[in-house]
Amino acid sequence: MKIAVCIKQVPDSWAEKKMGADGFLDRQNVDAVLNDLDEYAVEEALRIVEAHGGNEEGGPHTVTLISMGPDRATEAIRKALSMGANDAILVSDVALAGSDALATSSVLAEVIKKGGFDLVICGTESTDARMSVVPAMIAARLQWPQLTFAGKVDVDVAGNKVLITRVTEAGVDAMSASMPAVISVVEKINEPRYPSFKGIMAAKKKTIETRDLATVGASVQSPWSLVVDSALRPPRAAGIKVTDEGDAGNALVNFLAEKKLI
């Protein structure tokens, strides 16, 4: 069983984010990290292969990381490799700068299509864009079944089937699909492991294959979506202070009525 996990390097979630004059997020002046939500996808892939005999070198099960980004994205990839993934593919090309979800899904799908994978696992979204559409777009481009927002995943290797459960407003859904398939997992599905010292050292020797668009065999058009204008969020206005001189209750009621909250 060959599992692909789509991961992304993103600006640190705790860093102050700013838009550049070109309408793109400034990624050069902030720390870059592995997308938090992708760690759950990596962990789930590792748990699946471990439950079916492991992903040791030369074994029948493997976990391959697939990412798209600049050369510095190898830093995030190395972290995921240190968790236990076997190898990685990085698509890096200057023509991909500023790519939107449509372009990203197109390139990732092309890599997956040629990789002979049985299962693709993604996080629900990236913390820089928060769109949560790339897993579904990849599935649509590949014409594979998609099982999204999984809170639990079981794989029947012999039956060539993947089963998930997910929590909805109406209850818990149980869904299944034949492989190959694309699934996305929520952050409550597991607790990502900390890379061990052995894993960190082993990751330095693992292969990260870098491909450009020509090697992938894909082409991208100008982004379908662009930010045409942006502005800093205005500072919070000072609150209203009520001094209680026996009529604070009336002042509160008047304030709520003014805001049409009562």
C-alpha atoms as a PDB file:
ATOM      1  CA  MET A   1       0.000   0.000   0.000  1.00  0.00           C
ATOM      2  CA  LYS A   2       1.382   3.355  -1.051  1.00  0.00           C
ATOM      3  CA  ILE A   3       0.116   6.362   0.890  1.00  0.00           C
ATOM      4  CA  ALA A   4       0.732   9.971  -0.148  1.00  0.00           C
ATOM      5  CA  VAL A   5       0.384  12.778   2.377  1.00  0.00           C
ATOM      6  CA  CYS A   6       0.006  16.332   1.074  1.00  0.00           C
ATOM      7  CA  ILE A   7       1.789  18.834   3.311  1.00  0.00           C
ATOM      8  CA  LYS A   8       2.584  22.534   3.154  1.00  0.00           C
ATOM      9  CA  GLN A   9       5.047  24.955   4.680  1.00  0.00           C
ATOM     10  CA  VAL A  10       3.205  27.992   6.060  1.00  0.00           C
ATOM     11  CA  PRO A  11       4.012  31.128   8.082  1.00  0.00           C
ATOM     12  CA  ASP A  12       4.076  30.469  11.808  1.00  0.00           C
ATOM     13  CA  SER A  13       0.510  30.656  13.133  1.00  0.00           C
ATOM     14  CA  TRP A  14       1.656  32.909  15.990  1.00  0.00           C
ATOM     15  CA  ALA A  15       3.499  35.359  13.739  1.00  0.00           C
ATOM     16  CA  GLU A  16       1.970  38.668  12.663  1.00  0.00           C
ATOM     17  CA  LYS A  17       0.955  38.296   9.031  1.00  0.00           C
ATOM     18  CA  LYS A  18       1.022  41.105   6.489  1.00  0.00           C
ATOM     19  CA  MET A  19       0.051  41.455   2.852  1.00  0.00           C
ATOM     20  CA  GLY A  20       2.717  42.612   0.441  1.00  0.00           C
ATOM     21  CA  ALA A  21       2.278  45.329  -2.153  1.00  0.00           C
ATOM     22  CA  ASP A  22       1.871  42.597  -4.776  1.00  0.00           C
ATOM     23  CA  GLY A  23      -1.300  41.329  -3.076  1.00  0.00           C
ATOM     24  CA  PHE A  24       0.344  38.177  -1.745  1.00  0.00           C
ATOM     25  CA  LEU A  25       1.017  37.181   1.842  1.00  0.00           C
ATOM     26  CA  ASP A  26       4.495  38.207   2.984  1.00  0.00           C
ATOM     27  CA  ARG A  27       6.225  34.870   3.605  1.00  0.00           C
ATOM     28  CA  GLN A  28       9.846  36.024   3.599  1.00  0.00           C
ATOM     29  CA  ASN A  29       9.884  37.993   6.838  1.00  0.00           C
ATOM     30  CA  VAL A  30       8.218  35.447   9.132  1.00  0.00           C
ATOM     31  CA  ASP A  31       9.223  32.048  10.435  1.00  0.00           C
ATOM     32  CA  ALA A  32       8.012  29.181   8.263  1.00  0.00           C
ATOM     33  CA  VAL A  33       6.780  25.901   9.762  1.00  0.00           C
ATOM     34  CA  LEU A  34       5.024  22.699   8.807  1.00  0.00           C
ATOM     35  CA  ASN A  35       1.278  23.367   8.630  1.00  0.00           C
ATOM     36  CA  ASP A  36      -0.108  22.265  12.009  1.00  0.00           C
ATOM     37  CA  LEU A  37      -3.107  20.487  10.534  1.00  0.00           C
ATOM     38  CA  ASP A  38      -0.916  18.475   8.152  1.00  0.00           C
ATOM     39  CA  GLU A  39       0.844  16.844  11.108  1.00  0.00           C
ATOM     40  CA  TYR A  40      -2.368  14.951  11.865  1.00  0.00           C
ATOM     41  CA  ALA A  41      -2.425  13.641   8.294  1.00  0.00           C
ATOM     42  CA  VAL A  42       1.191  12.455   8.568  1.00  0.00           C
ATOM     43  CA  GLU A  43       0.482  10.792  11.908  1.00  0.00           C
ATOM     44  CA  GLU A  44      -2.605   9.028  10.576  1.00  0.00           C
ATOM     45  CA  ALA A  45      -0.696   7.699   7.561  1.00  0.00           C
ATOM     46  CA  LEU A  46       2.010   6.323   9.842  1.00  0.00           C
ATOM     47  CA  ARG A  47      -0.553   4.699  12.123  1.00  0.00           C
ATOM     48  CA  ILE A  48      -2.249   3.038   9.156  1.00  0.00           C
ATOM     49  CA  VAL A  49       0.954   1.465   7.830  1.00  0.00           C
ATOM     50  CA  GLU A  50       2.076   0.480  11.331  1.00  0.00           C
ATOM     51  CA  ALA A  51      -1.226  -1.322  11.839  1.00  0.00           C
ATOM     52  CA  HIS A  52      -0.518  -3.320   8.676  1.00  0.00           C
ATOM     53  CA  GLY A  53       3.087  -4.297   9.231  1.00  0.00           C
ATOM     54  CA  GLY A  54       4.994  -1.030   9.158  1.00  0.00           C
ATOM     55  CA  ASN A  55       6.793   1.035   6.547  1.00  0.00           C
ATOM     56  CA  GLU A  56      10.323  -0.227   6.887  1.00  0.00           C
ATOM     57  CA  GLU A  57      12.645   0.181   3.925  1.00  0.00           C
ATOM     58  CA  GLY A  58      11.839  -2.414   1.292  1.00  0.00           C
ATOM     59  CA  GLY A  59       8.495  -3.242   2.907  1.00  0.00           C
ATOM     60  CA  PRO A  60       5.105  -3.374   1.185  1.00  0.00           C
ATOM     61  CA  HIS A  61       3.792  -0.153   2.743  1.00  0.00           C
ATOM     62  CA  THR A  62       5.227   3.336   2.269  1.00  0.00           C
ATOM     63  CA  VAL A  63       4.379   6.928   3.176  1.00  0.00           C
ATOM     64  CA  THR A  64       5.441   9.601   0.686  1.00  0.00           C
ATOM     65  CA  LEU A  65       5.135  13.314   1.417  1.00  0.00           C
ATOM     66  CA  ILE A  66       4.102  15.621  -1.429  1.00  0.00           C
ATOM     67  CA  SER A  67       4.513  19.372  -1.156  1.00  0.00           C
ATOM     68  CA  MET A  68       4.535  22.420  -3.394  1.00  0.00           C
ATOM     69  CA  GLY A  69       6.518  25.515  -2.527  1.00  0.00           C
ATOM     70  CA  PRO A  70       9.909  27.249  -2.603  1.00  0.00           C
ATOM     71  CA  ASP A  71      13.190  25.475  -1.862  1.00  0.00           C
ATOM     72  CA  ARG A  72      12.954  26.426   1.826  1.00  0.00           C
ATOM     73  CA  ALA A  73       9.922  24.130   2.114  1.00  0.00           C
ATOM     74  CA  THR A  74      12.426  21.298   2.613  1.00  0.00           C
ATOM     75  CA  GLU A  75      12.667  22.465   6.239  1.00  0.00           C
ATOM     76  CA  ALA A  76       9.028  21.544   6.871  1.00  0.00           C
ATOM     77  CA  ILE A  77       9.406  18.359   4.855  1.00  0.00           C
ATOM     78  CA  ARG A  78      12.349  17.241   7.008  1.00  0.00           C
ATOM     79  CA  LYS A  79      10.187  17.550  10.111  1.00  0.00           C
ATOM     80  CA  ALA A  80       7.523  15.292   8.597  1.00  0.00           C
ATOM     81  CA  LEU A  81      10.233  12.858   7.490  1.00  0.00           C
ATOM     82  CA  SER A  82      11.591  12.786  11.032  1.00  0.00           C
ATOM     83  CA  MET A  83       8.148  11.637  12.212  1.00  0.00           C
ATOM     84  CA  GLY A  84       8.642   8.487  10.116  1.00  0.00           C
ATOM     85  CA  ALA A  85       7.620   9.070   6.479  1.00  0.00           C
ATOM     86  CA  ASN A  86       9.753   7.251   3.925  1.00  0.00           C
ATOM     87  CA  ASP A  87      10.476   9.914   1.313  1.00  0.00           C
ATOM     88  CA  ALA A  88       9.178  13.130  -0.194  1.00  0.00           C
ATOM     89  CA  ILE A  89       8.506  14.991  -3.426  1.00  0.00           C
ATOM     90  CA  LEU A  90       8.755  18.787  -3.567  1.00  0.00           C
ATOM     91  CA  VAL A  91       7.390  20.651  -6.583  1.00  0.00           C
ATOM     92  CA  SER A  92       9.243  23.944  -6.763  1.00  0.00           C
ATOM     93  CA  ASP A  93       9.048  26.384  -9.659  1.00  0.00           C
ATOM     94  CA  VAL A  94       9.067  30.185  -9.833  1.00  0.00           C
ATOM     95  CA  ALA A  95       5.953  29.999 -12.014  1.00  0.00           C
ATOM     96  CA  LEU A  96       4.032  28.635  -9.008  1.00  0.00           C
ATOM     97  CA  ALA A  97       4.546  31.689  -6.800  1.00  0.00           C
ATOM     98  CA  GLY A  98       1.204  32.988  -5.581  1.00  0.00           C
ATOM     99  CA  SER A  99      -0.713  29.914  -6.782  1.00  0.00           C
ATOM    100  CA  ASP A 100      -4.317  29.615  -5.630  1.00  0.00           C
ATOM    101  CA  ALA A 101      -6.187  26.426  -4.710  1.00  0.00           C
ATOM    102  CA  LEU A 102      -7.044  25.629  -8.328  1.00  0.00           C
ATOM    103  CA  ALA A 103      -3.413  25.703  -9.456  1.00  0.00           C
ATOM    104  CA  THR A 104      -2.192  23.907  -6.341  1.00  0.00           C
ATOM    105  CA  SER A 105      -4.675  21.053  -6.700  1.00  0.00           C
ATOM    106  CA  SER A 106      -3.824  20.709 -10.388  1.00  0.00           C
ATOM    107  CA  VAL A 107      -0.103  20.256  -9.736  1.00  0.00           C
ATOM    108  CA  LEU A 108      -0.557  17.951  -6.730  1.00  0.00           C
ATOM    109  CA  ALA A 109      -3.034  15.789  -8.636  1.00  0.00           C
ATOM    110  CA  GLU A 110      -0.570  15.384 -11.497  1.00  0.00           C
ATOM    111  CA  VAL A 111       2.146  14.178  -9.116  1.00  0.00           C
ATOM    112  CA  ILE A 112      -0.253  11.792  -7.391  1.00  0.00           C
ATOM    113  CA  LYS A 113      -1.564  10.437 -10.691  1.00  0.00           C
ATOM    114  CA  LYS A 114       1.914   9.352 -11.766  1.00  0.00           C
ATOM    115  CA  GLY A 115       2.912   7.969  -8.353  1.00  0.00           C
ATOM    116  CA  GLY A 116       0.713   4.891  -8.237  1.00  0.00           C
ATOM    117  CA  PHE A 117      -0.693   5.729  -4.802  1.00  0.00           C
ATOM    118  CA  ASP A 118      -3.514   3.812  -3.154  1.00  0.00           C
ATOM    119  CA  LEU A 119      -4.507   6.485  -0.652  1.00  0.00           C
ATOM    120  CA  VAL A 120      -4.003  10.241  -0.315  1.00  0.00           C
ATOM    121  CA  ILE A 121      -4.328  11.852   3.114  1.00  0.00           C
ATOM    122  CA  CYS A 122      -4.572  15.610   3.685  1.00  0.00           C
ATOM    123  CA  GLY A 123      -5.166  17.917   6.603  1.00  0.00           C
ATOM    124  CA  THR A 124      -8.452  19.781   6.480  1.00  0.00           C
ATOM    125  CA  GLU A 125      -6.859  23.093   5.486  1.00  0.00           C
ATOM    126  CA  SER A 126      -3.706  25.193   5.588  1.00  0.00           C
ATOM    127  CA  THR A 127      -3.442  27.829   8.292  1.00  0.00           C
ATOM    128  CA  ASP A 128      -2.353  30.542   5.849  1.00  0.00           C
ATOM    129  CA  ALA A 129      -5.312  30.348   3.455  1.00  0.00           C
ATOM    130  CA  ARG A 130      -8.050  28.576   5.476  1.00  0.00           C
ATOM    131  CA  MET A 131      -9.944  27.473   2.338  1.00  0.00           C
ATOM    132  CA  SER A 132     -10.372  23.747   3.047  1.00  0.00           C
ATOM    133  CA  VAL A 133     -11.009  22.917  -0.614  1.00  0.00           C
ATOM    134  CA  VAL A 134      -7.761  21.401  -1.917  1.00  0.00           C
ATOM    135  CA  PRO A 135      -8.505  17.777  -0.834  1.00  0.00           C
ATOM    136  CA  ALA A 136     -11.847  17.837  -2.658  1.00  0.00           C
ATOM    137  CA  MET A 137     -10.285  19.476  -5.704  1.00  0.00           C
ATOM    138  CA  ILE A 138      -7.559  16.828  -5.866  1.00  0.00           C
ATOM    139  CA  ALA A 139     -10.176  14.063  -5.702  1.00  0.00           C
ATOM    140  CA  ALA A 140     -12.219  15.722  -8.443  1.00  0.00           C
ATOM    141  CA  ARG A 141      -9.206  16.063 -10.725  1.00  0.00           C
ATOM    142  CA  LEU A 142      -8.205  12.439 -10.168  1.00  0.00           C
ATOM    143  CA  GLN A 143     -11.843  11.287 -10.347  1.00  0.00           C
ATOM    144  CA  TRP A 144     -11.293   9.366  -7.109  1.00  0.00           C
ATOM    145  CA  PRO A 145     -13.738   9.027  -4.198  1.00  0.00           C
ATOM    146  CA  GLN A 146     -13.305  11.635  -1.458  1.00  0.00           C
ATOM    147  CA  LEU A 147     -13.955  11.127   2.250  1.00  0.00           C
ATOM    148  CA  THR A 148     -13.496  14.419   4.043  1.00  0.00           C
ATOM    149  CA  PHE A 149     -13.275  15.611   7.671  1.00  0.00           C
ATOM    150  CA  ALA A 150     -12.515  12.117   8.982  1.00  0.00           C
ATOM    151  CA  GLY A 151     -12.380  11.683  12.752  1.00  0.00           C
ATOM    152  CA  LYS A 152     -11.465   8.009  12.466  1.00  0.00           C
ATOM    153  CA  VAL A 153      -9.954   6.014   9.597  1.00  0.00           C
ATOM    154  CA  ASP A 154      -9.801   2.263   9.028  1.00  0.00           C
ATOM    155  CA  VAL A 155      -8.214   0.653   5.982  1.00  0.00           C
ATOM    156  CA  ASP A 156      -9.143  -2.799   4.724  1.00  0.00           C
ATOM    157  CA  VAL A 157      -6.097  -3.665   2.630  1.00  0.00           C
ATOM    158  CA  ALA A 158      -7.398  -7.051   1.530  1.00  0.00           C
ATOM    159  CA  GLY A 159     -10.757  -5.568   0.542  1.00  0.00           C
ATOM    160  CA  ASN A 160      -9.111  -2.508  -1.041  1.00  0.00           C
ATOM    161  CA  LYS A 161     -11.412  -0.236   0.947  1.00  0.00           C
ATOM    162  CA  VAL A 162     -11.104   2.717   3.307  1.00  0.00           C
ATOM    163  CA  LEU A 163     -13.717   3.486   5.972  1.00  0.00           C
ATOM    164  CA  ILE A 164     -14.130   6.689   7.972  1.00  0.00           C
ATOM    165  CA  THR A 165     -16.413   8.232  10.553  1.00  0.00           C
ATOM    166  CA  ARG A 166     -16.973  11.940  10.923  1.00  0.00           C
ATOM    167  CA  VAL A 167     -18.976  14.094  13.292  1.00  0.00           C
ATOM    168  CA  THR A 168     -21.676  16.298  11.770  1.00  0.00           C
ATOM    169  CA  GLU A 169     -24.414  18.523  13.177  1.00  0.00           C
ATOM    170  CA  ALA A 170     -26.830  15.628  12.749  1.00  0.00           C
ATOM    171  CA  GLY A 171     -24.658  12.979  14.408  1.00  0.00           C
ATOM    172  CA  VAL A 172     -21.875  10.658  13.278  1.00  0.00           C
ATOM    173  CA  ASP A 173     -21.580   9.600   9.645  1.00  0.00           C
ATOM    174  CA  ALA A 174     -19.939   6.322   8.643  1.00  0.00           C
ATOM    175  CA  MET A 175     -18.659   6.292   5.069  1.00  0.00           C
ATOM    176  CA  SER A 176     -16.560   3.991   2.925  1.00  0.00           C
ATOM    177  CA  ALA A 177     -14.996   3.973  -0.524  1.00  0.00           C
ATOM    178  CA  SER A 178     -12.857   1.737  -2.636  1.00  0.00           C
ATOM    179  CA  MET A 179      -9.228   2.697  -3.099  1.00  0.00           C
ATOM    180  CA  PRO A 180      -7.616   4.703  -4.551  1.00  0.00           C
ATOM    181  CA  ALA A 181      -9.255   7.490  -2.605  1.00  0.00           C
ATOM    182  CA  VAL A 182      -8.580  10.903  -1.069  1.00  0.00           C
ATOM    183  CA  ILE A 183      -9.349  11.613   2.578  1.00  0.00           C
ATOM    184  CA  SER A 184      -8.888  14.632   4.828  1.00  0.00           C
ATOM    185  CA  VAL A 185      -8.584  14.307   8.596  1.00  0.00           C
ATOM    186  CA  VAL A 186      -9.556  16.627  11.442  1.00  0.00           C
ATOM    187  CA  GLU A 187      -7.230  17.545  14.277  1.00  0.00           C
ATOM    188  CA  LYS A 188      -9.099  15.437  16.845  1.00  0.00           C
ATOM    189  CA  ILE A 189      -8.283  12.209  14.997  1.00  0.00           C
ATOM    190  CA  ASN A 190      -4.963  11.624  16.794  1.00  0.00           C
ATOM    191  CA  GLU A 191      -2.058  13.185  18.644  1.00  0.00           C
ATOM    192  CA  PRO A 192       0.946  13.676  16.329  1.00  0.00           C
ATOM    193  CA  ARG A 193       4.138  12.089  17.626  1.00  0.00           C
ATOM    194  CA  TYR A 194       7.220  14.072  18.520  1.00  0.00           C
ATOM    195  CA  PRO A 195      10.159  13.228  16.270  1.00  0.00           C
ATOM    196  CA  SER A 196      12.714  11.136  18.142  1.00  0.00           C
ATOM    197  CA  PHE A 197      16.447  11.815  17.953  1.00  0.00           C
ATOM    198  CA  LYS A 198      16.775   8.676  15.839  1.00  0.00           C
ATOM    199  CA  GLY A 199      14.018   9.930  13.533  1.00  0.00           C
ATOM    200  CA  ILE A 200      15.645  13.356  13.191  1.00  0.00           C
ATOM    201  CA  MET A 201      18.985  11.817  12.247  1.00  0.00           C
ATOM    202  CA  ALA A 202      17.351   9.363   9.836  1.00  0.00           C
ATOM    203  CA  ALA A 203      15.432  12.200   8.144  1.00  0.00           C
ATOM    204  CA  LYS A 204      18.702  13.814   7.077  1.00  0.00           C
ATOM    205  CA  LYS A 205      19.426  10.784   4.880  1.00  0.00           C
ATOM    206  CA  LYS A 206      15.959  10.398   3.385  1.00  0.00           C
ATOM    207  CA  THR A 207      15.283  11.412  -0.189  1.00  0.00           C
ATOM    208  CA  ILE A 208      13.505  14.640  -1.096  1.00  0.00           C
ATOM    209  CA  GLU A 209      13.003  14.624  -4.859  1.00  0.00           C
ATOM    210  CA  THR A 210      12.625  18.137  -6.235  1.00  0.00           C
ATOM    211  CA  ARG A 211      10.659  18.570  -9.462  1.00  0.00           C
ATOM    212  CA  ASP A 212       9.784  21.595 -11.564  1.00  0.00           C
ATOM    213  CA  LEU A 213       6.647  22.002 -13.653  1.00  0.00           C
ATOM    214  CA  ALA A 214       8.271  20.519 -16.737  1.00  0.00           C
ATOM    215  CA  THR A 215       9.278  17.395 -14.819  1.00  0.00           C
ATOM    216  CA  VAL A 216       5.812  17.054 -13.340  1.00  0.00           C
ATOM    217  CA  GLY A 217       4.273  17.521 -16.756  1.00  0.00           C
ATOM    218  CA  ALA A 218       1.900  20.230 -15.567  1.00  0.00           C
ATOM    219  CA  SER A 219       1.272  23.820 -16.532  1.00  0.00           C
ATOM    220  CA  VAL A 220      -0.517  26.541 -14.628  1.00  0.00           C
ATOM    221  CA  GLN A 221      -2.266  29.658 -15.801  1.00  0.00           C
ATOM    222  CA  SER A 222      -2.382  32.940 -13.953  1.00  0.00           C
ATOM    223  CA  PRO A 223      -4.174  32.577 -10.610  1.00  0.00           C
ATOM    224  CA  TRP A 224      -7.948  32.501 -10.964  1.00  0.00           C
ATOM    225  CA  SER A 225      -8.241  34.525  -7.772  1.00  0.00           C
ATOM    226  CA  LEU A 226      -6.256  37.590  -6.710  1.00  0.00           C
ATOM    227  CA  VAL A 227      -6.298  39.988  -3.769  1.00  0.00           C
ATOM    228  CA  VAL A 228      -6.902  43.393  -5.335  1.00  0.00           C
ATOM    229  CA  ASP A 229      -6.809  45.413  -2.125  1.00  0.00           C
ATOM    230  CA  SER A 230      -6.138  44.968   1.590  1.00  0.00           C
ATOM    231  CA  ALA A 231      -5.961  47.110   4.703  1.00  0.00           C
ATOM    232  CA  LEU A 232      -4.858  46.644   8.283  1.00  0.00           C
ATOM    233  CA  ARG A 233      -7.590  45.806  10.737  1.00  0.00           C
ATOM    234  CA  PRO A 234      -8.589  49.016  12.561  1.00  0.00           C
ATOM    235  CA  PRO A 235      -7.665  49.198  16.238  1.00  0.00           C
ATOM    236  CA  ARG A 236     -10.350  48.256  18.715  1.00  0.00           C
ATOM    237  CA  ALA A 237     -12.386  51.178  19.935  1.00  0.00           C
ATOM    238  CA  ALA A 238     -12.451  51.973  23.622  1.00  0.00           C
ATOM    239  CA  GLY A 239     -15.250  50.310  25.531  1.00  0.00           C
ATOM    240  CA  ILE A 240     -18.078  52.052  27.311  1.00  0.00           C
ATOM    241  CA  LYS A 241     -17.581  52.426  31.038  1.00  0.00           C
ATOM    242  CA  VAL A 242     -20.666  52.734  33.234  1.00  0.00           C
ATOM    243  CA  THR A 243     -20.291  54.111  36.731  1.00  0.00           C
ATOM    244  CA  ASP A 244     -22.926  52.553  38.928  1.00  0.00           C
ATOM    245  CA  GLU A 245     -24.781  55.265  40.765  1.00  0.00           C
ATOM    246  CA  GLY A 246     -27.914  53.219  41.191  1.00  0.00           C
ATOM    247  CA  ASP A 247     -28.949  53.296  37.519  1.00  0.00           C
ATOM    248  CA  ALA A 248     -26.353  50.926  35.975  1.00  0.00           C
ATOM    249  CA  GLY A 249     -29.080  48.370  35.217  1.00  0.00           C
ATOM    250  CA  ASN A 250     -31.016  50.886  33.150  1.00  0.00           C
ATOM    251  CA  ALA A 251     -27.821  51.919  31.347  1.00  0.00           C
ATOM    252  CA  LEU A 252     -27.125  48.268  30.470  1.00  0.00           C
ATOM    253  CA  VAL A 253     -30.658  47.729  29.167  1.00  0.00           C
ATOM    254  CA  ASN A 254     -30.465  50.883  27.069  1.00  0.00           C
ATOM    255  CA  PHE A 255     -27.141  49.807  25.604  1.00  0.00           C
ATOM    256  CA  LEU A 256     -28.443  46.343  24.647  1.00  0.00           C
ATOM    257  CA  ALA A 257     -31.573  47.881  23.148  1.00  0.00           C
ATOM    258  CA  GLU A 258     -29.488  50.337  21.139  1.00  0.00           C
ATOM    259  CA  LYS A 259     -27.492  47.413  19.684  1.00  0.00           C
ATOM    260  CA  LYS A 260     -30.766  45.585  19.012  1.00  0.00           C
ATOM    261  CA  LEU A 261     -29.725  42.698  21.224  1.00  0.00           C
ATOM    262  CA  ILE A 262     -32.984  42.791  23.162  1.00  0.00           C
END
